Protein backbone atom coordinates (compact mmCIF):
# COMPACT_ATOMS: atom_id res chain seq x y z
CA MET A 1 278.76 124.10 115.87
CA GLN A 2 280.34 120.63 116.14
CA MET A 3 283.98 120.57 115.09
CA LYS A 4 284.73 118.55 111.97
CA SER A 5 287.51 115.96 111.88
CA TYR A 6 290.82 116.55 110.11
CA ILE A 7 293.52 114.26 108.82
CA THR A 8 297.08 114.92 107.68
CA THR A 9 298.00 113.20 104.41
CA GLU A 10 301.69 112.97 103.56
CA TYR A 11 303.25 112.34 100.17
CA ASN A 12 306.86 111.56 99.27
CA ILE A 13 308.01 112.59 95.81
CA SER A 14 311.39 112.66 94.08
CA LEU A 15 312.37 115.39 91.65
CA PRO A 16 315.49 115.52 89.48
CA TYR A 17 317.68 118.60 89.95
CA PRO A 18 321.29 117.37 89.68
CA SER A 19 323.06 120.44 91.05
CA CYS A 20 321.14 120.08 94.35
CA ALA A 21 320.97 116.28 94.54
CA GLY A 22 320.53 114.99 98.07
CA SER A 23 318.61 118.05 99.26
CA GLU A 24 315.14 117.84 100.77
CA ILE A 25 312.19 120.24 100.83
CA LYS A 26 309.24 119.99 103.20
CA LEU A 27 305.96 121.62 102.20
CA ALA A 28 302.62 122.00 103.92
CA PHE A 29 299.54 122.64 101.79
CA PHE A 30 295.98 123.53 102.73
CA SER A 31 293.07 124.91 100.77
CA ASP A 32 289.40 125.84 100.90
CA MET A 33 289.07 127.02 104.49
CA HIS A 34 285.84 128.87 103.61
CA ASN A 35 286.01 130.77 106.89
CA CYS A 36 286.08 127.54 108.91
CA CYS A 37 288.40 129.35 111.30
CA ASN A 38 285.44 131.45 112.41
CA TYR A 39 284.06 128.36 114.12
CA GLY A 40 286.77 127.55 116.64
CA GLU A 41 288.65 125.08 114.45
CA ALA A 42 291.75 127.19 113.87
CA GLU A 43 293.78 125.46 116.57
CA GLU A 44 293.69 121.96 115.09
CA LEU A 45 294.45 123.24 111.61
CA TYR A 46 297.35 125.32 112.89
CA THR A 47 298.70 122.45 115.01
CA ARG A 48 298.67 120.09 112.02
CA LEU A 49 300.49 122.59 109.81
CA LYS A 50 303.09 123.28 112.48
CA ALA A 51 303.68 119.56 113.12
CA LEU A 52 304.86 119.14 109.52
CA LYS A 53 307.78 121.54 110.20
CA PRO A 54 307.57 122.89 106.65
CA ASP A 55 310.07 125.04 104.80
CA LEU A 56 307.14 126.65 102.97
CA VAL A 57 303.41 126.68 103.63
CA LEU A 58 301.18 126.97 100.57
CA CYS A 59 297.50 127.94 100.59
CA GLY A 60 295.38 126.99 97.59
CA GLY A 61 292.75 129.72 97.93
CA ASP A 62 289.08 129.94 98.89
CA SER A 63 290.00 131.00 102.39
CA ILE A 64 286.83 133.13 102.40
CA VAL A 65 283.23 132.69 101.26
CA ALA A 66 282.16 135.13 98.53
CA SER A 67 278.68 135.88 99.76
CA PRO A 68 277.39 139.42 100.37
CA GLY A 69 277.80 140.40 103.99
CA LYS A 70 280.21 137.58 104.91
CA LYS A 71 283.20 138.55 107.04
CA THR A 72 286.83 137.76 106.28
CA ASP A 73 288.28 138.43 109.74
CA GLY A 74 288.65 134.78 110.77
CA ALA A 75 290.56 133.81 107.63
CA VAL A 76 292.80 136.87 107.82
CA LYS A 77 293.62 136.26 111.48
CA PHE A 78 294.48 132.61 110.83
CA LEU A 79 296.65 133.29 107.78
CA ARG A 80 298.58 135.99 109.62
CA ARG A 81 299.19 133.57 112.48
CA VAL A 82 300.65 130.99 110.10
CA ALA A 83 302.90 133.65 108.56
CA GLU A 84 304.36 134.42 111.99
CA GLN A 85 305.98 130.97 111.89
CA PHE A 86 306.49 130.07 108.22
CA PRO A 87 306.77 131.69 104.78
CA LEU A 88 303.18 131.57 103.49
CA VAL A 89 302.41 131.51 99.76
CA ILE A 90 298.76 132.12 98.89
CA GLY A 91 297.07 131.37 95.56
CA THR A 92 293.67 132.60 94.41
CA GLY A 93 290.48 130.55 94.64
CA ASN A 94 287.27 131.29 92.80
CA HIS A 95 285.79 132.97 95.89
CA GLU A 96 288.57 135.56 96.16
CA PHE A 97 288.53 135.97 92.39
CA ARG A 98 284.77 136.54 92.35
CA ALA A 99 284.89 139.02 95.24
CA ARG A 100 287.55 141.03 93.40
CA LEU A 101 285.76 140.85 90.06
CA TYR A 102 282.33 142.04 91.27
CA PRO A 103 282.70 144.77 93.91
CA GLU A 104 279.20 145.95 93.09
CA THR A 105 277.96 142.68 94.62
CA TYR A 106 280.54 141.99 97.32
CA GLY A 107 281.45 145.53 98.31
CA THR A 108 284.76 145.76 100.20
CA MET A 109 285.01 142.01 100.89
CA TYR A 110 288.04 141.50 98.68
CA ALA A 111 289.87 144.51 100.08
CA SER A 112 289.18 143.38 103.65
CA TYR A 113 290.91 140.08 102.84
CA HIS A 114 293.59 141.20 100.39
CA ASP A 115 294.89 144.40 101.98
CA PRO A 116 295.83 142.92 105.39
CA MET A 117 297.54 140.02 103.64
CA LEU A 118 299.52 142.37 101.42
CA LYS A 119 300.73 144.26 104.50
CA THR A 120 301.76 141.13 106.43
CA ASP A 121 305.41 140.10 106.58
CA ASN A 122 306.19 136.61 105.29
CA VAL A 123 303.01 136.46 103.13
CA TYR A 124 303.28 136.18 99.35
CA LEU A 125 300.06 136.61 97.35
CA LEU A 126 300.38 135.14 93.86
CA GLU A 127 297.66 136.40 91.52
CA ASN A 128 298.89 135.31 88.09
CA THR A 129 302.39 136.05 89.38
CA HIS A 130 305.33 133.99 90.60
CA ARG A 131 308.11 134.24 93.15
CA LEU A 132 311.51 132.64 93.62
CA PHE A 133 312.45 131.18 97.02
CA THR A 134 315.60 129.43 98.17
CA VAL A 135 315.06 126.41 100.41
CA GLY A 136 318.42 125.28 101.75
CA ASN A 137 320.44 125.46 98.55
CA VAL A 138 317.51 124.67 96.23
CA PRO A 139 315.89 127.40 94.09
CA VAL A 140 312.10 126.97 94.18
CA ARG A 141 309.83 129.06 91.97
CA VAL A 142 306.15 129.13 92.92
CA TYR A 143 303.50 130.21 90.41
CA GLY A 144 299.93 131.23 91.25
CA PHE A 145 297.48 130.71 88.37
CA GLU A 146 294.04 132.32 88.28
CA LEU A 147 291.63 130.30 86.17
CA PRO A 148 289.35 132.54 84.06
CA ARG A 149 285.71 132.53 85.15
CA ILE A 150 284.54 130.89 81.92
CA TYR A 151 286.08 127.59 83.04
CA TYR A 152 283.93 127.45 86.17
CA ARG A 153 280.79 126.78 84.10
CA ARG A 154 278.52 124.26 85.76
CA PHE A 155 276.96 121.06 84.44
CA ARG A 156 279.65 120.50 81.84
CA LYS A 157 283.17 119.15 81.49
CA ASN A 158 285.38 122.16 80.99
CA HIS A 159 288.52 121.69 78.89
CA VAL A 160 291.37 124.04 79.78
CA PRO A 161 294.23 124.25 77.25
CA SER A 162 297.76 124.51 78.63
CA GLU A 163 298.10 127.71 76.60
CA GLU A 164 295.97 129.44 79.25
CA ILE A 165 298.90 128.94 81.62
CA SER A 166 301.79 129.53 79.21
CA SER A 167 300.17 132.75 77.95
CA ILE A 168 300.68 134.17 81.46
CA PHE A 169 303.93 132.57 82.62
CA GLY A 170 305.69 131.36 79.49
CA GLU A 171 307.55 128.12 80.14
CA PRO A 172 308.38 126.83 83.65
CA ASP A 173 311.69 128.03 85.05
CA SER A 174 314.25 125.41 84.01
CA LYS A 175 316.72 126.65 86.64
CA ALA A 176 314.50 125.94 89.65
CA VAL A 177 312.18 123.37 91.16
CA THR A 178 308.76 124.61 90.04
CA ILE A 179 305.48 124.55 91.97
CA LEU A 180 302.16 125.72 90.53
CA LEU A 181 299.11 126.68 92.59
CA SER A 182 296.06 126.10 90.41
CA HIS A 183 292.91 126.09 92.49
CA ASN A 184 290.52 124.13 90.27
CA PRO A 185 291.50 120.53 89.36
CA VAL A 186 289.67 120.90 86.06
CA THR A 187 293.07 122.28 85.04
CA LEU A 188 294.92 119.07 86.01
CA PRO A 189 295.71 117.86 82.44
CA ALA A 190 296.74 121.37 81.36
CA CYS A 191 298.98 121.86 84.39
CA LEU A 192 300.78 118.55 83.98
CA GLU A 193 301.22 119.29 80.27
CA TRP A 194 302.54 122.80 81.05
CA GLY A 195 305.25 121.11 83.05
CA ALA A 196 305.58 122.39 86.61
CA ASP A 197 307.28 119.77 88.77
CA LEU A 198 304.40 119.86 91.26
CA THR A 199 300.92 121.37 90.94
CA LEU A 200 298.61 121.77 93.94
CA PHE A 201 294.82 121.91 93.72
CA GLY A 202 291.80 122.25 95.99
CA HIS A 203 288.27 123.42 95.10
CA ALA A 204 286.60 120.02 94.73
CA HIS A 205 286.19 119.31 98.49
CA GLY A 206 286.99 115.68 97.75
CA GLY A 207 283.77 115.28 95.78
CA ILE A 208 281.66 115.56 98.99
CA MET A 209 281.60 111.74 99.24
CA ARG A 210 284.88 110.07 98.34
CA ILE A 211 284.76 107.07 95.99
CA GLY A 212 288.07 105.28 95.53
CA SER A 213 291.48 106.94 95.19
CA HIS A 214 290.58 109.86 92.94
CA SER A 215 286.81 110.03 92.44
CA GLY A 216 283.94 111.65 94.28
CA LEU A 217 280.18 111.85 94.15
CA ILE A 218 279.88 115.37 92.79
CA SER A 219 282.19 118.19 91.72
CA PRO A 220 281.59 121.91 92.40
CA GLU A 221 280.50 122.15 88.76
CA PHE A 222 277.79 119.59 89.63
CA ARG A 223 279.29 116.80 87.55
CA LEU A 224 278.57 113.37 89.02
CA PHE A 225 281.32 110.81 89.71
CA SER A 226 284.15 113.09 88.68
CA SER A 227 287.47 111.23 88.51
CA ASN A 228 289.79 114.10 89.48
CA VAL A 229 288.66 115.43 92.83
CA TYR A 230 291.30 113.95 95.15
CA GLY A 231 294.73 112.42 95.45
CA HIS A 232 298.12 112.16 93.81
CA PHE A 233 298.50 112.07 90.01
CA GLN A 234 301.72 111.62 88.06
CA ILE A 235 302.36 111.91 84.32
CA ASN A 236 305.79 111.98 82.67
CA GLY A 237 307.51 112.76 85.95
CA LYS A 238 305.23 115.70 86.78
CA HIS A 239 303.11 115.55 89.92
CA GLY A 240 299.66 116.86 90.79
CA ILE A 241 298.06 116.69 94.26
CA ILE A 242 294.41 117.51 94.92
CA SER A 243 293.43 118.15 98.54
CA SER A 244 289.95 117.59 99.92
CA GLY A 245 290.27 120.96 101.67
CA CYS A 246 289.68 122.33 105.14
CA GLY A 247 286.11 123.63 104.98
CA GLU A 248 282.79 123.51 103.21
CA HIS A 249 280.10 125.77 101.82
CA THR A 250 276.82 125.29 99.91
CA ILE A 251 276.85 121.52 100.60
CA PRO A 252 278.22 121.27 104.18
CA VAL A 253 278.54 117.47 104.09
CA ARG A 254 281.49 115.07 104.00
CA VAL A 255 281.23 111.28 103.69
CA HIS A 256 284.43 109.16 103.93
CA ASN A 257 286.10 112.46 103.16
CA PRO A 258 287.60 114.27 106.17
CA ARG A 259 289.03 117.75 106.11
CA GLU A 260 292.68 117.58 105.17
CA VAL A 261 296.11 119.12 105.62
CA VAL A 262 298.71 117.90 103.11
CA GLY A 263 302.41 117.37 103.79
CA ILE A 264 304.83 116.91 100.90
CA HIS A 265 308.36 115.65 101.37
CA MET A 266 310.43 116.36 98.24
CA THR A 267 313.72 114.55 97.72
CA ILE A 268 315.98 116.13 95.10
CA THR A 269 317.84 113.59 92.97
CA ASP A 270 320.33 113.62 90.14
């Protein structure tokens, strides 16, 4: 199989946290591998992550493909390799969620992914949970939100209220820089309203064919010309970044829309 091209996209954002003003945090984010590491592409992805020299690496989910009989070995091997070098925080995508929810269809697929991750040092699985890290002198709390299956309905615009998030986590930690992993960008308005400093998304694969700064040809819910499938969004000082992801499935096509690793340089201000 011919190797697909990757890019590294870097963003610089400033966040107010007066007691740690002047500090910096470097993050690397990737999402939606969909077992691409089974096809000999692990090395470029790993090299790009390592080149960012991150304090934390965050994975947005969909590392596997939830299809009966599919293997998870490639994704597990790659994620464990990353964790040998960096703290690795993993959120849940719809493929992991589906594999866990329907074992009668997917058998032991979820366990074959989840159990090795749970037993790996330096890996933090966030399934509607959160964890506090300290980066330099900055407290950083990372939340991993699992979107209920009802909001993955196709052929419609799904509205997600911010209460779906606050019902699980309450309010964002006011004593830390807060990062939310929320796989599906249909939650973008809700996440920015909920109030994490930075929310990271994947799922949309950049809309298959990228159109402008934020739009794409088609979303995974089969909505045409969706306006929130890629890029950096900011509302009231809160940031959202949607990655085009590192793999494909179902529609294995990309037009003006390369596979992507994201670097985020946070500057803490007063």
